[in-house]
Amino acid sequence: MEGLLRYVLPAYLLIYFSTAFFWRSYKVWKTTGINPFVLSNTDSAHDFIGKVFKLFFALIVVVVLVYSVSGKLYQYLLPIAWLELPGIIIVGLILLLLSLVWTLLAQSQMGKSWRIGIDTKHKTELVRDGVFRFSRNPIFLGMMITLLGLFLIIPNALTLLILVLGVVLIQIQVRLEEEHLRMIHGELYLDYCRDVHRWL
């Protein structure tokens, strides 16, 4: 199984980034003329988190490439050997697949409202249908499940750090976005918050 994973994980990352980020962003841009990538280089808390996210995604790519390319180098990431069990790996693979499908579904249901970051220039529609009936932040929920799946497949010190750091970053980003949504949608968003939990 280990040999297969060396090909599966890089392929998964390629599919994940190309579909969940680039393709969806391209579709929104083509449909609306608006660039959905709204992170910039200011000194605000939002843009600082955006910069950390970029580093965070780079770490994910590095750990997967190291695992796939060199077993010797991978040992420097301090593998957690007692977690390297076939059953746990299968659970991790299932989580990766489910999180990808869930994320793509949520993005599709967001439609023109899809953004990477907080768009202060264009008012987006508040999406409450589809998976948004069960979670106010289904895409971020999907991302956390992806990180958990990655850790279960290749448990080591760096994937554990990525999991913990990812959850912290997402928790902060979600609160920044929720504050923005409260400002632009007012009582409508507060009603939504009363009806639907932040995660599930």
N, C-alpha and C. Protein backbone atom coordinates (compact mmCIF):
# COMPACT_ATOMS: atom_id res chain seq x y z
N MET A 1 0.83 -1.21 0.00
CA MET A 1 0.00 0.00 0.00
C MET A 1 0.86 1.27 0.00
N GLU A 2 2.01 1.18 0.68
CA GLU A 2 2.88 2.35 0.77
C GLU A 2 3.34 2.82 -0.61
N GLY A 3 3.68 1.87 -1.47
CA GLY A 3 4.12 2.24 -2.81
C GLY A 3 3.03 2.94 -3.59
N LEU A 4 1.79 2.47 -3.44
CA LEU A 4 0.67 3.09 -4.13
C LEU A 4 0.41 4.50 -3.62
N LEU A 5 0.54 4.69 -2.31
CA LEU A 5 0.29 6.00 -1.71
C LEU A 5 1.26 7.06 -2.23
N ARG A 6 2.45 6.64 -2.60
CA ARG A 6 3.44 7.59 -3.12
C ARG A 6 2.97 8.24 -4.42
N TYR A 7 2.05 7.57 -5.10
CA TYR A 7 1.47 8.14 -6.32
C TYR A 7 0.10 8.77 -6.06
N VAL A 8 -0.65 8.16 -5.15
CA VAL A 8 -2.01 8.63 -4.87
C VAL A 8 -2.02 10.02 -4.24
N LEU A 9 -1.15 10.25 -3.26
CA LEU A 9 -1.18 11.53 -2.55
C LEU A 9 -0.81 12.72 -3.43
N PRO A 10 0.26 12.66 -4.23
CA PRO A 10 0.52 13.79 -5.13
C PRO A 10 -0.61 14.01 -6.13
N ALA A 11 -1.19 12.91 -6.63
CA ALA A 11 -2.31 13.03 -7.57
C ALA A 11 -3.50 13.69 -6.89
N TYR A 12 -3.75 13.31 -5.64
CA TYR A 12 -4.85 13.91 -4.88
C TYR A 12 -4.65 15.41 -4.72
N LEU A 13 -3.43 15.81 -4.32
CA LEU A 13 -3.15 17.24 -4.16
C LEU A 13 -3.36 18.00 -5.46
N LEU A 14 -2.90 17.42 -6.55
CA LEU A 14 -3.06 18.07 -7.85
C LEU A 14 -4.54 18.25 -8.18
N ILE A 15 -5.33 17.21 -7.97
CA ILE A 15 -6.77 17.29 -8.23
C ILE A 15 -7.43 18.29 -7.29
N TYR A 16 -7.05 18.23 -6.01
CA TYR A 16 -7.66 19.11 -5.00
C TYR A 16 -7.42 20.58 -5.32
N PHE A 17 -6.16 20.94 -5.54
CA PHE A 17 -5.84 22.34 -5.78
C PHE A 17 -6.40 22.83 -7.11
N SER A 18 -6.33 21.97 -8.13
CA SER A 18 -6.78 22.41 -9.45
C SER A 18 -8.30 22.56 -9.53
N THR A 19 -9.03 21.68 -8.84
CA THR A 19 -10.49 21.77 -8.89
C THR A 19 -11.06 22.69 -7.83
N ALA A 20 -10.60 22.54 -6.60
CA ALA A 20 -11.20 23.30 -5.50
C ALA A 20 -10.78 24.77 -5.47
N PHE A 21 -9.62 25.08 -6.00
CA PHE A 21 -9.16 26.47 -5.95
C PHE A 21 -9.12 27.11 -7.34
N PHE A 22 -8.36 26.54 -8.24
CA PHE A 22 -8.14 27.21 -9.53
C PHE A 22 -9.37 27.14 -10.44
N TRP A 23 -9.95 25.95 -10.61
CA TRP A 23 -11.08 25.81 -11.52
C TRP A 23 -12.30 26.58 -11.03
N ARG A 24 -12.61 26.47 -9.74
CA ARG A 24 -13.77 27.18 -9.21
C ARG A 24 -13.57 28.69 -9.30
N SER A 25 -12.36 29.15 -9.00
CA SER A 25 -12.07 30.59 -9.09
C SER A 25 -12.16 31.07 -10.53
N TYR A 26 -11.65 30.26 -11.45
CA TYR A 26 -11.72 30.62 -12.87
C TYR A 26 -13.18 30.73 -13.33
N LYS A 27 -14.03 29.80 -12.90
CA LYS A 27 -15.44 29.83 -13.31
C LYS A 27 -16.13 31.09 -12.79
N VAL A 28 -15.86 31.46 -11.54
CA VAL A 28 -16.47 32.67 -10.99
C VAL A 28 -15.99 33.90 -11.75
N TRP A 29 -14.70 33.94 -12.03
CA TRP A 29 -14.15 35.09 -12.78
C TRP A 29 -14.76 35.19 -14.17
N LYS A 30 -14.90 34.06 -14.86
CA LYS A 30 -15.48 34.06 -16.20
C LYS A 30 -16.95 34.45 -16.17
N THR A 31 -17.66 34.06 -15.13
CA THR A 31 -19.09 34.32 -15.03
C THR A 31 -19.38 35.76 -14.61
N THR A 32 -18.59 36.29 -13.68
CA THR A 32 -18.90 37.59 -13.09
C THR A 32 -17.93 38.70 -13.50
N GLY A 33 -16.73 38.32 -13.96
CA GLY A 33 -15.71 39.33 -14.23
C GLY A 33 -14.99 39.78 -12.97
N ILE A 34 -15.34 39.15 -11.84
CA ILE A 34 -14.75 39.49 -10.55
C ILE A 34 -13.69 38.45 -10.18
N ASN A 35 -12.51 38.92 -9.78
CA ASN A 35 -11.47 38.02 -9.32
C ASN A 35 -11.83 37.55 -7.91
N PRO A 36 -12.14 36.25 -7.72
CA PRO A 36 -12.54 35.77 -6.40
C PRO A 36 -11.39 35.67 -5.42
N PHE A 37 -10.15 35.81 -5.90
CA PHE A 37 -8.99 35.77 -5.01
C PHE A 37 -8.78 37.19 -4.46
N VAL A 38 -9.19 37.40 -3.22
CA VAL A 38 -9.20 38.76 -2.67
C VAL A 38 -8.22 38.97 -1.52
N LEU A 39 -7.23 38.10 -1.42
CA LEU A 39 -6.17 38.31 -0.43
C LEU A 39 -5.17 39.32 -0.99
N SER A 40 -4.69 40.23 -0.16
CA SER A 40 -3.73 41.23 -0.62
C SER A 40 -2.54 41.27 0.35
N ASN A 41 -1.73 42.31 0.25
CA ASN A 41 -0.50 42.37 1.04
C ASN A 41 -0.53 43.48 2.09
N THR A 42 -1.72 43.80 2.59
CA THR A 42 -1.81 44.82 3.63
C THR A 42 -1.38 44.20 4.97
N ASP A 43 -1.36 45.03 6.00
CA ASP A 43 -0.94 44.57 7.33
C ASP A 43 -2.13 44.19 8.20
N SER A 44 -3.30 43.98 7.58
CA SER A 44 -4.50 43.63 8.34
C SER A 44 -4.41 42.19 8.84
N ALA A 45 -5.24 41.88 9.84
CA ALA A 45 -5.27 40.51 10.38
C ALA A 45 -5.67 39.53 9.29
N HIS A 46 -6.63 39.92 8.46
CA HIS A 46 -7.11 39.05 7.39
C HIS A 46 -6.00 38.69 6.41
N ASP A 47 -5.25 39.69 5.97
CA ASP A 47 -4.19 39.44 4.99
C ASP A 47 -3.00 38.71 5.62
N PHE A 48 -2.78 38.94 6.91
CA PHE A 48 -1.72 38.19 7.60
C PHE A 48 -2.07 36.70 7.64
N ILE A 49 -3.32 36.41 7.96
CA ILE A 49 -3.77 35.01 7.97
C ILE A 49 -3.63 34.42 6.57
N GLY A 50 -3.93 35.23 5.55
CA GLY A 50 -3.79 34.77 4.17
C GLY A 50 -2.36 34.38 3.84
N LYS A 51 -1.40 35.17 4.32
CA LYS A 51 0.01 34.85 4.09
C LYS A 51 0.41 33.55 4.79
N VAL A 52 -0.11 33.37 6.01
CA VAL A 52 0.21 32.14 6.74
C VAL A 52 -0.41 30.94 6.03
N PHE A 53 -1.61 31.13 5.48
CA PHE A 53 -2.25 30.05 4.72
C PHE A 53 -1.38 29.62 3.54
N LYS A 54 -0.77 30.58 2.87
CA LYS A 54 0.09 30.24 1.72
C LYS A 54 1.26 29.38 2.18
N LEU A 55 1.88 29.75 3.30
CA LEU A 55 2.96 28.95 3.85
C LEU A 55 2.47 27.56 4.24
N PHE A 56 1.29 27.55 4.80
CA PHE A 56 0.65 26.32 5.24
C PHE A 56 0.45 25.35 4.07
N PHE A 57 -0.07 25.86 2.95
CA PHE A 57 -0.28 25.01 1.77
C PHE A 57 1.06 24.53 1.20
N ALA A 58 2.08 25.38 1.27
CA ALA A 58 3.41 24.98 0.81
C ALA A 58 3.94 23.83 1.66
N LEU A 59 3.69 23.87 2.97
CA LEU A 59 4.12 22.78 3.85
C LEU A 59 3.46 21.46 3.48
N ILE A 60 2.18 21.54 3.13
CA ILE A 60 1.46 20.32 2.72
C ILE A 60 2.11 19.72 1.48
N VAL A 61 2.41 20.57 0.50
CA VAL A 61 3.05 20.08 -0.72
C VAL A 61 4.41 19.47 -0.41
N VAL A 62 5.18 20.12 0.45
CA VAL A 62 6.52 19.62 0.81
C VAL A 62 6.44 18.26 1.47
N VAL A 63 5.54 18.09 2.44
CA VAL A 63 5.48 16.82 3.17
C VAL A 63 5.04 15.69 2.25
N VAL A 64 4.12 15.96 1.34
CA VAL A 64 3.66 14.92 0.41
C VAL A 64 4.77 14.57 -0.58
N LEU A 65 5.49 15.56 -1.06
CA LEU A 65 6.57 15.30 -2.00
C LEU A 65 7.71 14.53 -1.34
N VAL A 66 8.05 14.91 -0.12
CA VAL A 66 9.12 14.20 0.61
C VAL A 66 8.71 12.74 0.82
N TYR A 67 7.48 12.52 1.23
CA TYR A 67 6.99 11.15 1.43
C TYR A 67 7.04 10.35 0.13
N SER A 68 6.67 10.99 -0.98
CA SER A 68 6.57 10.29 -2.26
C SER A 68 7.91 10.05 -2.93
N VAL A 69 8.87 10.92 -2.66
CA VAL A 69 10.15 10.87 -3.39
C VAL A 69 11.22 10.08 -2.65
N SER A 70 11.29 10.25 -1.33
CA SER A 70 12.42 9.66 -0.61
C SER A 70 12.03 9.16 0.77
N GLY A 71 12.07 7.84 0.92
CA GLY A 71 11.81 7.26 2.22
C GLY A 71 12.84 7.66 3.25
N LYS A 72 14.08 7.87 2.80
CA LYS A 72 15.15 8.28 3.71
C LYS A 72 14.90 9.68 4.25
N LEU A 73 14.56 10.61 3.36
CA LEU A 73 14.25 11.98 3.80
C LEU A 73 13.02 12.01 4.69
N TYR A 74 12.06 11.14 4.38
CA TYR A 74 10.82 11.13 5.14
C TYR A 74 11.06 10.82 6.61
N GLN A 75 12.11 10.08 6.91
CA GLN A 75 12.40 9.75 8.31
C GLN A 75 12.72 11.00 9.14
N TYR A 76 13.19 12.06 8.47
CA TYR A 76 13.47 13.31 9.19
C TYR A 76 12.19 14.02 9.63
N LEU A 77 11.05 13.60 9.09
CA LEU A 77 9.77 14.20 9.50
C LEU A 77 9.21 13.52 10.75
N LEU A 78 9.98 12.59 11.31
CA LEU A 78 9.63 11.89 12.55
C LEU A 78 8.29 11.16 12.44
N PRO A 79 8.24 10.10 11.62
CA PRO A 79 7.01 9.32 11.48
C PRO A 79 6.53 8.77 12.82
N ILE A 80 5.21 8.70 12.99
CA ILE A 80 4.61 8.12 14.19
C ILE A 80 4.26 6.68 13.84
N ALA A 81 5.20 5.77 14.09
CA ALA A 81 5.12 4.39 13.59
C ALA A 81 3.88 3.65 14.10
N TRP A 82 3.47 3.89 15.35
CA TRP A 82 2.36 3.12 15.90
C TRP A 82 1.01 3.48 15.27
N LEU A 83 0.97 4.55 14.49
CA LEU A 83 -0.25 4.91 13.77
C LEU A 83 -0.26 4.41 12.33
N GLU A 84 0.86 3.87 11.89
CA GLU A 84 0.97 3.43 10.50
C GLU A 84 0.36 2.04 10.33
N LEU A 85 -0.95 1.97 10.42
CA LEU A 85 -1.70 0.72 10.32
C LEU A 85 -2.61 0.77 9.09
N PRO A 86 -2.77 -0.36 8.38
CA PRO A 86 -3.61 -0.39 7.18
C PRO A 86 -5.03 0.15 7.40
N GLY A 87 -5.64 -0.22 8.52
CA GLY A 87 -7.00 0.24 8.80
C GLY A 87 -7.08 1.76 8.94
N ILE A 88 -6.09 2.35 9.62
CA ILE A 88 -6.07 3.80 9.80
C ILE A 88 -5.83 4.49 8.46
N ILE A 89 -4.96 3.91 7.65
CA ILE A 89 -4.68 4.48 6.33
C ILE A 89 -5.94 4.48 5.46
N ILE A 90 -6.70 3.40 5.52
CA ILE A 90 -7.94 3.32 4.75
C ILE A 90 -8.94 4.37 5.21
N VAL A 91 -9.05 4.56 6.52
CA VAL A 91 -9.92 5.62 7.05
C VAL A 91 -9.47 6.97 6.52
N GLY A 92 -8.16 7.21 6.51
CA GLY A 92 -7.63 8.47 5.99
C GLY A 92 -7.98 8.68 4.53
N LEU A 93 -7.86 7.63 3.73
CA LEU A 93 -8.19 7.73 2.30
C LEU A 93 -9.67 8.03 2.09
N ILE A 94 -10.51 7.39 2.88
CA ILE A 94 -11.95 7.65 2.79
C ILE A 94 -12.25 9.10 3.14
N LEU A 95 -11.59 9.62 4.19
CA LEU A 95 -11.79 11.01 4.59
C LEU A 95 -11.35 11.97 3.48
N LEU A 96 -10.22 11.66 2.82
CA LEU A 96 -9.76 12.51 1.71
C LEU A 96 -10.78 12.55 0.59
N LEU A 97 -11.31 11.40 0.24
CA LEU A 97 -12.29 11.33 -0.84
C LEU A 97 -13.57 12.07 -0.47
N LEU A 98 -14.09 11.80 0.71
CA LEU A 98 -15.33 12.45 1.15
C LEU A 98 -15.17 13.96 1.25
N SER A 99 -14.03 14.40 1.78
CA SER A 99 -13.82 15.84 1.95
C SER A 99 -13.72 16.55 0.61
N LEU A 100 -13.11 15.89 -0.38
CA LEU A 100 -13.02 16.50 -1.72
C LEU A 100 -14.40 16.65 -2.35
N VAL A 101 -15.19 15.58 -2.29
CA VAL A 101 -16.55 15.63 -2.85
C VAL A 101 -17.38 16.68 -2.12
N TRP A 102 -17.31 16.70 -0.80
CA TRP A 102 -18.06 17.65 0.03
C TRP A 102 -17.66 19.09 -0.31
N THR A 103 -16.36 19.33 -0.43
CA THR A 103 -15.86 20.68 -0.71
C THR A 103 -16.30 21.15 -2.09
N LEU A 104 -16.16 20.29 -3.09
CA LEU A 104 -16.56 20.67 -4.45
C LEU A 104 -18.06 20.92 -4.54
N LEU A 105 -18.84 20.11 -3.82
CA LEU A 105 -20.29 20.31 -3.79
C LEU A 105 -20.64 21.66 -3.17
N ALA A 106 -19.99 21.97 -2.04
CA ALA A 106 -20.25 23.24 -1.37
C ALA A 106 -19.85 24.42 -2.24
N GLN A 107 -18.73 24.32 -2.90
CA GLN A 107 -18.28 25.40 -3.78
C GLN A 107 -19.25 25.60 -4.94
N SER A 108 -19.72 24.50 -5.50
CA SER A 108 -20.68 24.59 -6.59
C SER A 108 -21.95 25.29 -6.13
N GLN A 109 -22.39 24.97 -4.91
CA GLN A 109 -23.61 25.57 -4.38
C GLN A 109 -23.41 27.03 -3.99
N MET A 110 -22.18 27.45 -3.75
CA MET A 110 -21.90 28.87 -3.50
C MET A 110 -22.07 29.69 -4.77
N GLY A 111 -21.81 29.08 -5.90
CA GLY A 111 -21.96 29.79 -7.17
C GLY A 111 -21.10 31.03 -7.25
N LYS A 112 -21.73 32.16 -7.57
CA LYS A 112 -21.02 33.42 -7.76
C LYS A 112 -20.50 34.00 -6.45
N SER A 113 -20.91 33.45 -5.33
CA SER A 113 -20.47 33.98 -4.03
C SER A 113 -19.12 33.43 -3.59
N TRP A 114 -18.57 32.48 -4.36
CA TRP A 114 -17.29 31.88 -3.98
C TRP A 114 -16.18 32.93 -3.97
N ARG A 115 -15.42 32.97 -2.87
CA ARG A 115 -14.26 33.86 -2.73
C ARG A 115 -13.16 33.14 -1.97
N ILE A 116 -11.93 33.55 -2.25
CA ILE A 116 -10.80 33.15 -1.41
C ILE A 116 -10.38 34.40 -0.66
N GLY A 117 -10.81 34.50 0.58
CA GLY A 117 -10.60 35.71 1.36
C GLY A 117 -11.91 36.47 1.52
N ILE A 118 -11.84 37.65 2.08
CA ILE A 118 -13.02 38.47 2.35
C ILE A 118 -13.11 39.60 1.33
N ASP A 119 -14.18 39.58 0.56
CA ASP A 119 -14.39 40.57 -0.50
C ASP A 119 -15.15 41.76 0.08
N THR A 120 -14.46 42.87 0.28
CA THR A 120 -15.10 44.07 0.83
C THR A 120 -15.62 45.01 -0.26
N LYS A 121 -15.37 44.66 -1.53
CA LYS A 121 -15.77 45.54 -2.63
C LYS A 121 -17.10 45.12 -3.27
N HIS A 122 -17.41 43.84 -3.21
CA HIS A 122 -18.62 43.34 -3.85
C HIS A 122 -19.47 42.58 -2.83
N LYS A 123 -20.74 42.92 -2.76
CA LYS A 123 -21.63 42.22 -1.85
C LYS A 123 -22.03 40.89 -2.46
N THR A 124 -21.77 39.82 -1.75
CA THR A 124 -22.11 38.48 -2.24
C THR A 124 -23.43 38.02 -1.61
N GLU A 125 -24.09 37.15 -2.33
CA GLU A 125 -25.35 36.59 -1.83
C GLU A 125 -25.08 35.64 -0.66
N LEU A 126 -25.97 35.65 0.33
CA LEU A 126 -25.86 34.73 1.45
C LEU A 126 -26.43 33.38 1.02
N VAL A 127 -25.60 32.37 0.97
CA VAL A 127 -26.02 31.04 0.52
C VAL A 127 -26.50 30.24 1.73
N ARG A 128 -27.73 29.73 1.63
CA ARG A 128 -28.29 28.96 2.75
C ARG A 128 -28.83 27.60 2.31
N ASP A 129 -28.69 27.29 1.04
CA ASP A 129 -29.24 26.04 0.51
C ASP A 129 -28.17 24.95 0.43
N GLY A 130 -28.61 23.75 0.03
CA GLY A 130 -27.67 22.65 -0.13
C GLY A 130 -27.01 22.27 1.18
N VAL A 131 -25.70 22.05 1.14
CA VAL A 131 -24.98 21.64 2.36
C VAL A 131 -24.91 22.79 3.37
N PHE A 132 -25.19 24.01 2.91
CA PHE A 132 -25.19 25.16 3.82
C PHE A 132 -26.39 25.13 4.76
N ARG A 133 -27.31 24.21 4.56
CA ARG A 133 -28.39 24.00 5.51
C ARG A 133 -27.91 23.26 6.75
N PHE A 134 -26.77 22.59 6.62
CA PHE A 134 -26.24 21.78 7.72
C PHE A 134 -25.00 22.39 8.36
N SER A 135 -24.30 23.23 7.63
CA SER A 135 -23.07 23.85 8.13
C SER A 135 -22.93 25.24 7.55
N ARG A 136 -22.59 26.21 8.40
CA ARG A 136 -22.37 27.57 7.89
C ARG A 136 -21.04 27.67 7.15
N ASN A 137 -20.14 26.74 7.42
CA ASN A 137 -18.80 26.80 6.83
C ASN A 137 -18.39 25.43 6.28
N PRO A 138 -19.15 24.89 5.33
CA PRO A 138 -18.87 23.53 4.86
C PRO A 138 -17.51 23.38 4.18
N ILE A 139 -17.04 24.42 3.50
CA ILE A 139 -15.76 24.30 2.80
C ILE A 139 -14.62 24.23 3.81
N PHE A 140 -14.65 25.07 4.82
CA PHE A 140 -13.62 25.00 5.86
C PHE A 140 -13.72 23.68 6.63
N LEU A 141 -14.93 23.20 6.83
CA LEU A 141 -15.11 21.89 7.47
C LEU A 141 -14.45 20.82 6.62
N GLY A 142 -14.67 20.88 5.30
CA GLY A 142 -14.04 19.93 4.39
C GLY A 142 -12.53 20.01 4.45
N MET A 143 -11.99 21.22 4.55
CA MET A 143 -10.53 21.38 4.64
C MET A 143 -9.97 20.72 5.89
N MET A 144 -10.67 20.86 7.02
CA MET A 144 -10.18 20.24 8.25
C MET A 144 -10.23 18.71 8.15
N ILE A 145 -11.25 18.19 7.50
CA ILE A 145 -11.34 16.75 7.31
C ILE A 145 -10.21 16.27 6.40
N THR A 146 -9.87 17.07 5.39
CA THR A 146 -8.75 16.74 4.51
C THR A 146 -7.45 16.65 5.31
N LEU A 147 -7.23 17.60 6.18
CA LEU A 147 -6.01 17.62 6.99
C LEU A 147 -5.95 16.40 7.92
N LEU A 148 -7.09 16.04 8.49
CA LEU A 148 -7.14 14.86 9.35
C LEU A 148 -6.83 13.61 8.53
N GLY A 149 -7.42 13.52 7.34
CA GLY A 149 -7.16 12.37 6.48
C GLY A 149 -5.69 12.25 6.11
N LEU A 150 -5.06 13.39 5.78
CA LEU A 150 -3.64 13.38 5.44
C LEU A 150 -2.80 12.90 6.61
N PHE A 151 -3.13 13.37 7.81
CA PHE A 151 -2.38 12.95 9.00
C PHE A 151 -2.52 11.45 9.24
N LEU A 152 -3.73 10.91 9.05
CA LEU A 152 -3.95 9.48 9.29
C LEU A 152 -3.20 8.62 8.27
N ILE A 153 -3.03 9.14 7.06
CA ILE A 153 -2.34 8.37 6.02
C ILE A 153 -0.84 8.40 6.22
N ILE A 154 -0.30 9.59 6.49
CA ILE A 154 1.15 9.70 6.74
C ILE A 154 1.37 10.44 8.07
N PRO A 155 1.17 9.74 9.18
CA PRO A 155 1.31 10.37 10.49
C PRO A 155 2.77 10.66 10.82
N ASN A 156 3.09 11.91 11.01
CA ASN A 156 4.44 12.30 11.40
C ASN A 156 4.35 13.65 12.10
N ALA A 157 5.48 14.14 12.58
CA ALA A 157 5.49 15.39 13.34
C ALA A 157 4.99 16.56 12.51
N LEU A 158 5.35 16.59 11.21
CA LEU A 158 4.96 17.73 10.37
C LEU A 158 3.48 17.68 10.01
N THR A 159 2.93 16.50 9.70
CA THR A 159 1.50 16.45 9.40
C THR A 159 0.66 16.72 10.65
N LEU A 160 1.18 16.37 11.81
CA LEU A 160 0.49 16.72 13.06
C LEU A 160 0.50 18.23 13.25
N LEU A 161 1.65 18.86 13.00
CA LEU A 161 1.73 20.32 13.08
C LEU A 161 0.78 20.98 12.08
N ILE A 162 0.75 20.44 10.86
CA ILE A 162 -0.13 20.97 9.83
C ILE A 162 -1.60 20.86 10.26
N LEU A 163 -1.96 19.74 10.85
CA LEU A 163 -3.33 19.54 11.31
C LEU A 163 -3.70 20.56 12.39
N VAL A 164 -2.85 20.70 13.39
CA VAL A 164 -3.13 21.63 14.50
C VAL A 164 -3.13 23.07 14.00
N LEU A 165 -2.11 23.44 13.23
CA LEU A 165 -2.02 24.80 12.71
C LEU A 165 -3.20 25.10 11.78
N GLY A 166 -3.56 24.12 10.96
CA GLY A 166 -4.68 24.31 10.04
C GLY A 166 -5.98 24.58 10.76
N VAL A 167 -6.25 23.82 11.80
CA VAL A 167 -7.48 24.02 12.57
C VAL A 167 -7.49 25.41 13.21
N VAL A 168 -6.36 25.83 13.76
CA VAL A 168 -6.28 27.16 14.39
C VAL A 168 -6.50 28.26 13.35
N LEU A 169 -5.82 28.17 12.21
CA LEU A 169 -5.98 29.17 11.16
C LEU A 169 -7.41 29.24 10.66
N ILE A 170 -8.02 28.08 10.45
CA ILE A 170 -9.39 28.04 9.96
C ILE A 170 -10.35 28.63 10.98
N GLN A 171 -10.13 28.33 12.26
CA GLN A 171 -11.00 28.90 13.30
C GLN A 171 -10.93 30.43 13.29
N ILE A 172 -9.73 30.98 13.10
CA ILE A 172 -9.58 32.44 13.05
C ILE A 172 -10.23 33.00 11.79
N GLN A 173 -9.95 32.40 10.63
CA GLN A 173 -10.49 32.88 9.37
C GLN A 173 -12.02 32.85 9.36
N VAL A 174 -12.59 31.78 9.90
CA VAL A 174 -14.05 31.66 9.94
C VAL A 174 -14.66 32.80 10.75
N ARG A 175 -14.05 33.14 11.85
CA ARG A 175 -14.59 34.22 12.68
C ARG A 175 -14.47 35.58 11.99
N LEU A 176 -13.39 35.79 11.25
CA LEU A 176 -13.25 37.03 10.48
C LEU A 176 -14.33 37.10 9.39
N GLU A 177 -14.57 35.99 8.73
CA GLU A 177 -15.57 35.97 7.66
C GLU A 177 -16.98 36.12 8.22
N GLU A 178 -17.24 35.50 9.37
CA GLU A 178 -18.57 35.61 9.97
C GLU A 178 -18.86 37.05 10.40
N GLU A 179 -17.86 37.74 10.91
CA GLU A 179 -18.03 39.14 11.27
C GLU A 179 -18.36 39.97 10.04
N HIS A 180 -17.67 39.69 8.93
CA HIS A 180 -17.95 40.39 7.68
C HIS A 180 -19.37 40.12 7.20
N LEU A 181 -19.81 38.87 7.28
CA LEU A 181 -21.16 38.53 6.85
C LEU A 181 -22.22 39.18 7.73
N ARG A 182 -21.93 39.30 9.02
CA ARG A 182 -22.87 40.00 9.91
C ARG A 182 -23.00 41.47 9.51
N MET A 183 -21.90 42.05 9.09
CA MET A 183 -21.91 43.47 8.71
C MET A 183 -22.71 43.70 7.43
N ILE A 184 -22.60 42.81 6.46
CA ILE A 184 -23.25 43.07 5.17
C ILE A 184 -24.67 42.50 5.08
N HIS A 185 -24.96 41.45 5.87
CA HIS A 185 -26.29 40.84 5.78
C HIS A 185 -27.16 41.09 7.00
N GLY A 186 -26.57 41.59 8.08
CA GLY A 186 -27.33 41.98 9.25
C GLY A 186 -28.19 40.87 9.84
N GLU A 187 -29.47 41.19 10.06
CA GLU A 187 -30.39 40.27 10.73
C GLU A 187 -30.57 38.96 9.96
N LEU A 188 -30.49 39.04 8.64
CA LEU A 188 -30.61 37.83 7.82
C LEU A 188 -29.55 36.80 8.20
N TYR A 189 -28.32 37.29 8.40
CA TYR A 189 -27.24 36.38 8.77
C TYR A 189 -27.40 35.90 10.21
N LEU A 190 -27.86 36.78 11.10
CA LEU A 190 -28.08 36.37 12.48
C LEU A 190 -29.14 35.29 12.57
N ASP A 191 -30.19 35.40 11.76
CA ASP A 191 -31.21 34.34 11.71
C ASP A 191 -30.61 33.03 11.24
N TYR A 192 -29.73 33.14 10.23
CA TYR A 192 -29.06 31.95 9.71
C TYR A 192 -28.21 31.30 10.79
N CYS A 193 -27.51 32.11 11.57
CA CYS A 193 -26.67 31.60 12.65
C CYS A 193 -27.50 30.88 13.71
N ARG A 194 -28.71 31.38 13.95
CA ARG A 194 -29.57 30.73 14.93
C ARG A 194 -30.09 29.39 14.42
N ASP A 195 -30.21 29.25 13.10
CA ASP A 195 -30.76 28.03 12.52
C ASP A 195 -29.71 26.96 12.25
N VAL A 196 -28.48 27.40 11.92
CA VAL A 196 -27.44 26.46 11.46
C VAL A 196 -26.17 26.66 12.28
N HIS A 197 -25.58 25.57 12.70
CA HIS A 197 -24.34 25.62 13.49
C HIS A 197 -23.14 26.02 12.61
N ARG A 198 -22.11 26.48 13.28
CA ARG A 198 -20.89 26.90 12.56
C ARG A 198 -20.30 25.74 11.77
N TRP A 199 -20.28 24.56 12.37
CA TRP A 199 -19.67 23.40 11.68
C TRP A 199 -20.74 22.39 11.26
N LEU A 200 -21.40 21.77 12.19
CA LEU A 200 -22.47 20.81 11.88
C LEU A 200 -23.57 20.89 12.94
